[in-house]
Amino acid sequence: MCSTAQIITFEKMKKFETITEAFDWWIKNVYPSLSPELKKGKAVQAWKDYTYDRGISEKRMRDILIEFGEFEIKTSIIYKPS
């Protein structure tokens, strides 16, 4: 049992089909809440490149998600012989 002094927050885990889908969600939901110190350098450059369609690679999106978010990225490749 939790005391009234304890606050427990359970965030629903989100699953994404693509890196781009996850990055889009991160841009809209996580990036705005980053501290001003973290909104310098890589994070802000990635935000600008994505937001203004300057181009951002999937690898760079993946790196940003791992560095500035709480993401676990798995790759699944399935071979189905006919």
Protein backbone atom coordinates (compact mmCIF):
# COMPACT_ATOMS: atom_id res chain seq x y z
CA MET A 1 0.00 0.00 0.00
CA CYS A 2 1.25 3.49 -0.85
CA SER A 3 1.36 6.27 1.69
CA THR A 4 -0.15 9.62 0.76
CA ALA A 5 3.37 11.04 0.45
CA GLN A 6 4.18 8.67 -2.40
CA ILE A 7 3.13 9.51 -5.91
CA ILE A 8 3.32 6.74 -8.45
CA THR A 9 2.92 7.49 -12.11
CA PHE A 10 2.42 4.75 -14.64
CA GLU A 11 2.85 5.83 -18.21
CA LYS A 12 1.35 3.56 -20.79
CA MET A 13 4.03 1.97 -22.92
CA LYS A 14 3.73 2.98 -26.55
CA LYS A 15 4.67 0.83 -29.50
CA PHE A 16 5.48 2.17 -32.92
CA GLU A 17 5.68 0.47 -36.29
CA THR A 18 8.51 2.62 -37.65
CA ILE A 19 11.38 4.80 -36.44
CA THR A 20 9.76 7.78 -38.20
CA GLU A 21 6.48 7.23 -36.36
CA ALA A 22 8.31 7.07 -33.01
CA PHE A 23 10.38 10.15 -33.84
CA ASP A 24 7.28 12.12 -34.84
CA TRP A 25 5.69 11.23 -31.48
CA TRP A 26 8.91 12.20 -29.65
CA ILE A 27 9.04 15.58 -31.45
CA LYS A 28 5.45 16.37 -30.39
CA ASN A 29 5.42 14.87 -26.88
CA VAL A 30 8.94 14.70 -25.43
CA TYR A 31 11.00 17.40 -27.13
CA PRO A 32 8.84 20.31 -25.83
CA SER A 33 9.46 19.22 -22.22
CA LEU A 34 13.26 18.92 -22.53
CA SER A 35 15.24 21.36 -20.42
CA PRO A 36 16.78 24.36 -22.21
CA GLU A 37 20.22 22.78 -21.76
CA LEU A 38 19.12 19.67 -23.66
CA LYS A 39 17.46 21.70 -26.42
CA LYS A 40 20.88 22.67 -27.73
CA GLY A 41 23.05 20.86 -30.20
CA LYS A 42 21.87 17.51 -31.52
CA ALA A 43 18.29 17.64 -30.23
CA VAL A 44 17.41 21.07 -31.61
CA GLN A 45 19.17 20.39 -34.91
CA ALA A 46 17.21 17.15 -35.34
CA TRP A 47 13.98 18.97 -34.44
CA LYS A 48 14.67 21.69 -37.03
CA ASP A 49 15.68 19.21 -39.73
CA TYR A 50 12.53 17.12 -39.16
CA THR A 51 10.11 20.01 -38.67
CA TYR A 52 11.28 22.02 -41.66
CA ASP A 53 11.72 18.99 -43.97
CA ARG A 54 15.46 19.47 -44.29
CA GLY A 55 15.99 15.75 -44.14
CA ILE A 56 17.01 13.49 -41.29
CA SER A 57 18.18 9.91 -41.62
CA GLU A 58 16.57 7.00 -39.84
CA LYS A 59 19.91 6.34 -38.11
CA ARG A 60 20.01 9.87 -36.73
CA MET A 61 16.37 9.59 -35.58
CA ARG A 62 17.25 6.34 -33.84
CA ASP A 63 20.27 7.93 -32.12
CA ILE A 64 18.19 10.89 -30.90
CA LEU A 65 15.43 8.61 -29.57
CA ILE A 66 17.95 6.58 -27.60
CA GLU A 67 19.90 9.57 -26.29
CA PHE A 68 17.02 11.88 -25.40
CA GLY A 69 14.16 9.47 -24.75
CA GLU A 70 13.45 6.22 -23.03
CA PHE A 71 13.23 4.03 -26.09
CA GLU A 72 14.13 0.43 -26.68
CA ILE A 73 14.48 -0.22 -30.38
CA LYS A 74 14.30 -3.74 -31.77
CA THR A 75 14.54 -4.85 -35.36
CA SER A 76 12.48 -7.79 -36.54
CA ILE A 77 13.22 -9.49 -39.84
CA ILE A 78 11.08 -12.43 -40.75
CA TYR A 79 11.74 -14.79 -43.61
CA LYS A 80 8.68 -16.76 -44.69
CA PRO A 81 9.52 -19.36 -47.31
CA SER A 82 6.76 -20.16 -49.76
